[in-house]
């Protein structure tokens, strides 16, 4: 099973940008699959709230899907050579403050990660904290 590690979180001010990274461990891929076989999604959980979908990129890299709250501000991308997916976050707002998690699902298309029960996703990272001050 793929293992994921997030990085890039931090404390920023309203209007600033951050880029989060989700690095996959190549040593733990299911036999016959590589990072390119997995769709990757970003989710976030604010204090006292449920974890919510943010963005996803399909396993082919050809489709992306975003929550309405981040559309036009956040961009998800992937570099299969680096086994890494990214979330570029621009025009950050205090309401973007949350722990951000990446998740992976084998051979999924981007919109699926927005609706599939989160417990059914194949792998999760431990999260990285993003704090946006006003």
Foldseek 3Di string as FASTA:
>chain_A
DKAWAKDWADEEAAFAKTKMKIAIDQVPDDPPDALLQKKKFKWWDDPPGDIATAKIAFSPRPDIDGDPVQPPFWDWGDDRVRRMIMIIGGRDDQVVWTWMKMFIAGRDHTVCCRPPDPVPTDYIYPTDTHGYHD
